[in-house]
Amino acid sequence: MRVILGAVAVIMGTIGIVVFTSTRKPEAAIGLLVAPVVLAILLVLFHSLTVRVSNKTIHLSFGVGLIRKSFSIEDINEASAVSNRWYHGWGIKKISGGWLYNVSGFDAVEIKLKNGRRNRIGTDEPKKLLAAISSAMDSSRD
């Protein structure tokens, strides 16, 4: 995702500069010059997903940490490793019954909350994340 966003930003920026310098009309190149800036912002905000599991909370943090989400361990009813479908995509997405938080790949851990909602957390290491969540759930029940 990083490579694609970065490549598209560079290509659009280059085309925008070429159009601007050849036509001298800023309105002809404005979209091509604004789009790379937007893509660069998205890249900074969503270049990674950091997941921290404590005995009380699962903390999610995207990119530089401006976009965050947390789940209380006490609110989790069940957790399991799952595979996302290709059409779920990446980023923060509404899915059937809940939300998906993912930056790359198709592996995730789904947490089913006591209120019936489910949330999927994308990860390159679903077994390790599931073990950490299960451990936290076990220690909160004691």
Protein backbone atom coordinates (compact mmCIF):
# COMPACT_ATOMS: atom_id res chain seq x y z
CA MET A 1 0.00 0.00 0.00
CA ARG A 2 2.87 2.35 0.84
CA VAL A 3 4.58 1.67 -2.48
CA ILE A 4 1.38 2.15 -4.48
CA LEU A 5 0.43 5.42 -2.73
CA GLY A 6 3.98 6.73 -3.01
CA ALA A 7 4.30 5.80 -6.69
CA VAL A 8 0.93 7.32 -7.59
CA ALA A 9 1.82 10.53 -5.72
CA VAL A 10 5.16 10.84 -7.53
CA ILE A 11 3.64 10.09 -10.95
CA MET A 12 0.75 12.53 -10.49
CA GLY A 13 3.06 15.22 -9.13
CA THR A 14 5.43 14.79 -12.08
CA ILE A 15 2.59 14.95 -14.60
CA GLY A 16 1.19 18.01 -12.80
CA ILE A 17 4.53 19.81 -12.98
CA VAL A 18 4.91 18.94 -16.68
CA VAL A 19 1.38 20.16 -17.44
CA PHE A 20 1.89 23.35 -15.44
CA THR A 21 5.25 24.20 -17.04
CA SER A 22 4.05 23.44 -20.56
CA THR A 23 0.71 25.30 -20.37
CA ARG A 24 1.49 27.98 -17.72
CA LYS A 25 -2.12 27.57 -16.62
CA PRO A 26 -2.37 26.58 -12.96
CA GLU A 27 -5.99 25.51 -13.33
CA ALA A 28 -4.90 22.83 -15.82
CA ALA A 29 -2.57 21.22 -13.29
CA ILE A 30 -4.25 21.98 -9.95
CA GLY A 31 -5.84 18.53 -9.55
CA LEU A 32 -2.63 16.79 -10.50
CA LEU A 33 -0.70 18.86 -7.95
CA VAL A 34 -3.25 18.64 -5.10
CA ALA A 35 -3.74 14.85 -5.38
CA PRO A 36 -0.11 14.01 -4.46
CA VAL A 37 -0.40 16.19 -1.36
CA VAL A 38 -3.57 14.33 -0.33
CA LEU A 39 -1.90 10.98 -1.02
CA ALA A 40 1.15 12.01 1.02
CA ILE A 41 -1.11 12.93 3.95
CA LEU A 42 -2.88 9.55 3.68
CA LEU A 43 0.49 7.82 3.56
CA VAL A 44 1.61 9.55 6.77
CA LEU A 45 -1.69 8.77 8.51
CA PHE A 46 -2.01 5.13 7.40
CA HIS A 47 1.50 3.81 6.68
CA SER A 48 1.35 1.38 9.59
CA LEU A 49 -0.93 -0.08 12.23
CA THR A 50 0.48 -0.57 15.72
CA VAL A 51 -1.46 -2.87 18.05
CA ARG A 52 -0.67 -2.97 21.78
CA VAL A 53 -2.42 -5.40 24.10
CA SER A 54 -2.44 -4.82 27.85
CA ASN A 55 -4.36 -6.64 30.57
CA LYS A 56 -7.18 -4.13 30.24
CA THR A 57 -7.13 -2.74 26.70
CA ILE A 58 -6.30 -3.31 23.06
CA HIS A 59 -4.88 -0.09 21.61
CA LEU A 60 -4.72 0.53 17.85
CA SER A 61 -2.68 3.36 16.40
CA PHE A 62 -2.38 4.21 12.70
CA GLY A 63 0.68 5.87 11.16
CA VAL A 64 2.05 8.70 13.30
CA GLY A 65 -0.65 8.09 15.93
CA LEU A 66 -3.25 10.73 15.10
CA ILE A 67 -5.85 8.05 14.38
CA ARG A 68 -6.42 5.74 17.33
CA LYS A 69 -8.95 3.25 18.62
CA SER A 70 -9.11 1.12 21.73
CA PHE A 71 -11.18 -1.79 23.00
CA SER A 72 -11.67 -2.81 26.60
CA ILE A 73 -10.69 -6.43 27.24
CA GLU A 74 -13.75 -6.75 29.50
CA ASP A 75 -16.02 -5.95 26.53
CA ILE A 76 -14.65 -8.82 24.42
CA ASN A 77 -16.69 -12.01 24.32
CA GLU A 78 -14.58 -13.97 21.82
CA ALA A 79 -11.50 -13.61 19.61
CA SER A 80 -10.43 -15.63 16.56
CA ALA A 81 -7.98 -15.49 13.66
CA VAL A 82 -9.69 -14.78 10.32
CA SER A 83 -8.89 -13.94 6.72
CA ASN A 84 -10.40 -10.86 5.16
CA ARG A 85 -11.84 -11.01 1.67
CA TRP A 86 -10.15 -8.97 -1.04
CA TYR A 87 -13.13 -6.60 -1.25
CA HIS A 88 -12.76 -5.56 2.40
CA GLY A 89 -9.73 -3.53 1.29
CA TRP A 90 -7.52 -1.57 3.65
CA GLY A 91 -7.88 1.32 6.04
CA ILE A 92 -10.79 1.79 8.40
CA LYS A 93 -13.87 0.23 6.84
CA LYS A 94 -17.40 -0.56 7.92
CA ILE A 95 -18.03 -4.28 7.52
CA SER A 96 -21.06 -6.41 8.27
CA GLY A 97 -21.67 -6.15 12.00
CA GLY A 98 -18.71 -3.92 12.82
CA TRP A 99 -15.45 -2.39 11.60
CA LEU A 100 -12.19 -3.40 9.96
CA TYR A 101 -8.87 -1.76 10.90
CA ASN A 102 -6.16 -2.81 8.44
CA VAL A 103 -3.22 -1.41 6.48
CA SER A 104 -2.10 -4.40 4.41
CA GLY A 105 -2.63 -8.08 3.77
CA PHE A 106 -5.66 -10.22 4.48
CA ASP A 107 -4.88 -11.75 7.90
CA ALA A 108 -6.73 -10.38 10.91
CA VAL A 109 -8.00 -11.14 14.38
CA GLU A 110 -11.71 -10.70 14.87
CA ILE A 111 -12.93 -9.67 18.27
CA LYS A 112 -16.60 -10.19 19.02
CA LEU A 113 -17.85 -7.81 21.65
CA LYS A 114 -20.49 -8.56 24.27
CA ASN A 115 -22.82 -6.06 22.57
CA GLY A 116 -22.81 -8.19 19.40
CA ARG A 117 -20.49 -5.99 17.35
CA ARG A 118 -17.41 -7.45 15.74
CA ASN A 119 -14.18 -5.73 14.83
CA ARG A 120 -11.30 -7.03 12.74
CA ILE A 121 -7.74 -5.96 13.42
CA GLY A 122 -5.38 -6.55 10.51
CA THR A 123 -2.02 -8.09 11.37
CA ASP A 124 0.95 -9.87 9.82
CA GLU A 125 1.08 -12.11 12.90
CA PRO A 126 -2.47 -13.29 13.69
CA LYS A 127 -1.36 -16.16 15.95
CA LYS A 128 0.71 -13.86 18.17
CA LEU A 129 -2.00 -11.20 18.36
CA LEU A 130 -4.65 -13.82 19.14
CA ALA A 131 -2.44 -15.30 21.87
CA ALA A 132 -1.91 -11.85 23.42
CA ILE A 133 -5.64 -11.07 23.37
CA SER A 134 -6.55 -14.52 24.75
CA SER A 135 -3.99 -14.11 27.54
CA ALA A 136 -5.40 -10.70 28.44
CA MET A 137 -8.95 -12.08 28.41
CA ASP A 138 -7.92 -14.99 30.66
CA SER A 139 -6.21 -12.68 33.16
CA SER A 140 -9.20 -10.30 33.27
CA ARG A 141 -11.54 -13.18 34.17
CA ASP A 142 -9.44 -14.18 37.19
